[in-house]
C-alpha atoms as a PDB file:
ATOM      1  CA  MET A   1      -0.126   0.162   0.166  1.00  0.00           C
ATOM      2  CA  LYS A   2       2.896   2.200   0.304  1.00  0.00           C
ATOM      3  CA  GLU A   3       3.509   2.376  -3.450  1.00  0.00           C
ATOM      4  CA  LEU A   4      -0.049   2.997  -3.971  1.00  0.00           C
ATOM      5  CA  LYS A   5      -0.025   6.082  -1.356  1.00  0.00           C
ATOM      6  CA  SER A   6       3.124   7.313  -3.139  1.00  0.00           C
ATOM      7  CA  LEU A   7       1.457   6.679  -6.467  1.00  0.00           C
ATOM      8  CA  ILE A   8      -1.887   9.077  -5.431  1.00  0.00           C
ATOM      9  CA  GLU A   9       0.501  11.686  -3.854  1.00  0.00           C
ATOM     10  CA  LYS A  10       2.256  12.289  -7.198  1.00  0.00           C
ATOM     11  CA  GLY A  11      -1.266  11.733  -9.318  1.00  0.00           C
ATOM     12  CA  GLN A  12       0.009   8.820 -11.221  1.00  0.00           C
ATOM     13  CA  VAL A  13      -3.630   6.884 -10.476  1.00  0.00           C
ATOM     14  CA  THR A  14      -6.772   6.355 -12.024  1.00  0.00           C
ATOM     15  CA  VAL A  15      -9.515   6.387  -9.501  1.00  0.00           C
ATOM     16  CA  GLY A  16     -12.828   4.649 -10.646  1.00  0.00           C
ATOM     17  CA  THR A  17     -14.133   2.500 -13.122  1.00  0.00           C
ATOM     18  CA  ASP A  18     -14.924   4.969 -15.999  1.00  0.00           C
ATOM     19  CA  LEU A  19     -11.725   6.726 -15.832  1.00  0.00           C
ATOM     20  CA  THR A  20      -9.709   3.597 -15.392  1.00  0.00           C
ATOM     21  CA  LEU A  21     -11.221   1.903 -18.348  1.00  0.00           C
ATOM     22  CA  LYS A  22     -11.006   4.783 -20.573  1.00  0.00           C
ATOM     23  CA  ASN A  23      -7.249   5.119 -19.933  1.00  0.00           C
ATOM     24  CA  LEU A  24      -7.024   0.899 -20.494  1.00  0.00           C
ATOM     25  CA  ARG A  25      -8.345   1.262 -24.091  1.00  0.00           C
ATOM     26  CA  LEU A  26      -6.044   3.937 -24.657  1.00  0.00           C
ATOM     27  CA  GLY A  27      -2.919   2.010 -23.146  1.00  0.00           C
ATOM     28  CA  LYS A  28      -1.910   4.680 -20.396  1.00  0.00           C
ATOM     29  CA  ILE A  29      -2.391   1.857 -17.694  1.00  0.00           C
ATOM     30  CA  GLU A  30       0.376  -0.569 -16.756  1.00  0.00           C
ATOM     31  CA  LYS A  31      -1.437  -2.148 -13.447  1.00  0.00           C
ATOM     32  CA  VAL A  32      -5.176  -2.316 -12.248  1.00  0.00           C
ATOM     33  CA  LEU A  33      -5.975  -2.658  -8.459  1.00  0.00           C
ATOM     34  CA  ILE A  34      -9.670  -4.558  -8.174  1.00  0.00           C
ATOM     35  CA  THR A  35     -11.290  -4.541  -4.500  1.00  0.00           C
ATOM     36  CA  LYS A  36     -12.350  -7.931  -3.027  1.00  0.00           C
ATOM     37  CA  ASN A  37     -15.873  -7.188  -3.164  1.00  0.00           C
ATOM     38  CA  CYS A  38     -15.854  -5.393  -6.610  1.00  0.00           C
ATOM     39  CA  PRO A  39     -19.156  -5.579  -8.717  1.00  0.00           C
ATOM     40  CA  ALA A  40     -19.201  -8.743 -10.996  1.00  0.00           C
ATOM     41  CA  ASP A  41     -20.187  -6.708 -13.635  1.00  0.00           C
ATOM     42  CA  VAL A  42     -17.412  -4.063 -13.216  1.00  0.00           C
ATOM     43  CA  ARG A  43     -14.733  -6.895 -12.564  1.00  0.00           C
ATOM     44  CA  GLU A  44     -15.834  -8.519 -15.862  1.00  0.00           C
ATOM     45  CA  GLU A  45     -15.576  -5.074 -17.678  1.00  0.00           C
ATOM     46  CA  ILE A  46     -11.958  -4.452 -16.240  1.00  0.00           C
ATOM     47  CA  LEU A  47     -10.609  -7.991 -17.690  1.00  0.00           C
ATOM     48  CA  ARG A  48     -12.015  -7.413 -21.101  1.00  0.00           C
ATOM     49  CA  PHE A  49      -9.977  -4.594 -21.636  1.00  0.00           C
ATOM     50  CA  SER A  50      -6.886  -5.526 -20.021  1.00  0.00           C
ATOM     51  CA  ASP A  51      -5.093  -8.171 -22.035  1.00  0.00           C
ATOM     52  CA  GLU A  52      -1.770  -6.800 -21.642  1.00  0.00           C
ATOM     53  CA  VAL A  53      -2.166  -4.963 -18.214  1.00  0.00           C
ATOM     54  CA  LYS A  54      -1.466  -6.522 -14.725  1.00  0.00           C
ATOM     55  CA  ILE A  55      -4.423  -7.111 -12.625  1.00  0.00           C
ATOM     56  CA  GLU A  56      -4.247  -7.244  -8.808  1.00  0.00           C
ATOM     57  CA  GLN A  57      -6.959  -8.274  -6.511  1.00  0.00           C
ATOM     58  CA  ILE A  58      -6.292  -6.294  -3.354  1.00  0.00           C
ATOM     59  CA  ASP A  59      -7.790  -7.601   0.443  1.00  0.00           C
ATOM     60  CA  LYS A  60      -9.461  -4.731   0.712  1.00  0.00           C
ATOM     61  CA  THR A  61     -13.044  -3.673   0.491  1.00  0.00           C
ATOM     62  CA  ASN A  62     -13.836  -0.505  -1.772  1.00  0.00           C
ATOM     63  CA  ILE A  63     -14.626   1.743   1.387  1.00  0.00           C
ATOM     64  CA  GLU A  64     -11.250   0.879   2.504  1.00  0.00           C
ATOM     65  CA  LEU A  65      -9.735   1.560  -0.438  1.00  0.00           C
ATOM     66  CA  GLY A  66     -11.760   5.080  -0.655  1.00  0.00           C
ATOM     67  CA  THR A  67     -10.508   5.443   3.038  1.00  0.00           C
ATOM     68  CA  ILE A  68      -6.319   4.951   1.585  1.00  0.00           C
ATOM     69  CA  CYS A  69      -7.033   7.050  -1.118  1.00  0.00           C
ATOM     70  CA  LYS A  70      -8.138   9.770   1.364  1.00  0.00           C
ATOM     71  CA  LYS A  71     -11.674  10.024  -0.548  1.00  0.00           C
ATOM     72  CA  PRO A  72     -15.181  10.499   1.472  1.00  0.00           C
ATOM     73  CA  TYR A  73     -16.589   7.744  -1.207  1.00  0.00           C
ATOM     74  CA  ALA A  74     -16.017   3.775  -1.922  1.00  0.00           C
ATOM     75  CA  ILE A  75     -13.398   2.912  -4.691  1.00  0.00           C
ATOM     76  CA  SER A  76     -13.576  -0.165  -6.361  1.00  0.00           C
ATOM     77  CA  ILE A  77     -10.899  -0.012  -8.977  1.00  0.00           C
ATOM     78  CA  ILE A  78      -7.766   2.098  -9.278  1.00  0.00           C
ATOM     79  CA  GLY A  79      -5.193   2.178 -12.667  1.00  0.00           C
ATOM     80  CA  TYR A  80      -1.575   2.463 -12.097  1.00  0.00           C
ATOM     81  CA  LEU A  81      -0.632   4.911 -15.007  1.00  0.00           C
ATOM     82  CA  LYS A  82       2.724   4.118 -17.275  1.00  0.00           C
ATOM     83  CA  GLU A  83       5.365   6.603 -16.428  1.00  0.00           C
ATOM     84  CA  LYS A  84       5.722   9.251 -19.199  1.00  0.00           C
END
């Protein structure tokens, strides 16, 4: 989680399904984190577009991930942006 916190501070992550999917399609994502209680339809959609991207299911709920990201809402998906 230290790596995630560091990337959040640097602004090198996408938060949420829509933004992560958009960047996956554009080839800008290198890794996707999925929470253990991510909705099945969201998980399937992410997996469909992530052929060349590492997918990691973390042992956190979407509420816990939202707290880690210092957001007042639940987050099920986070994408790590490729370094420029």
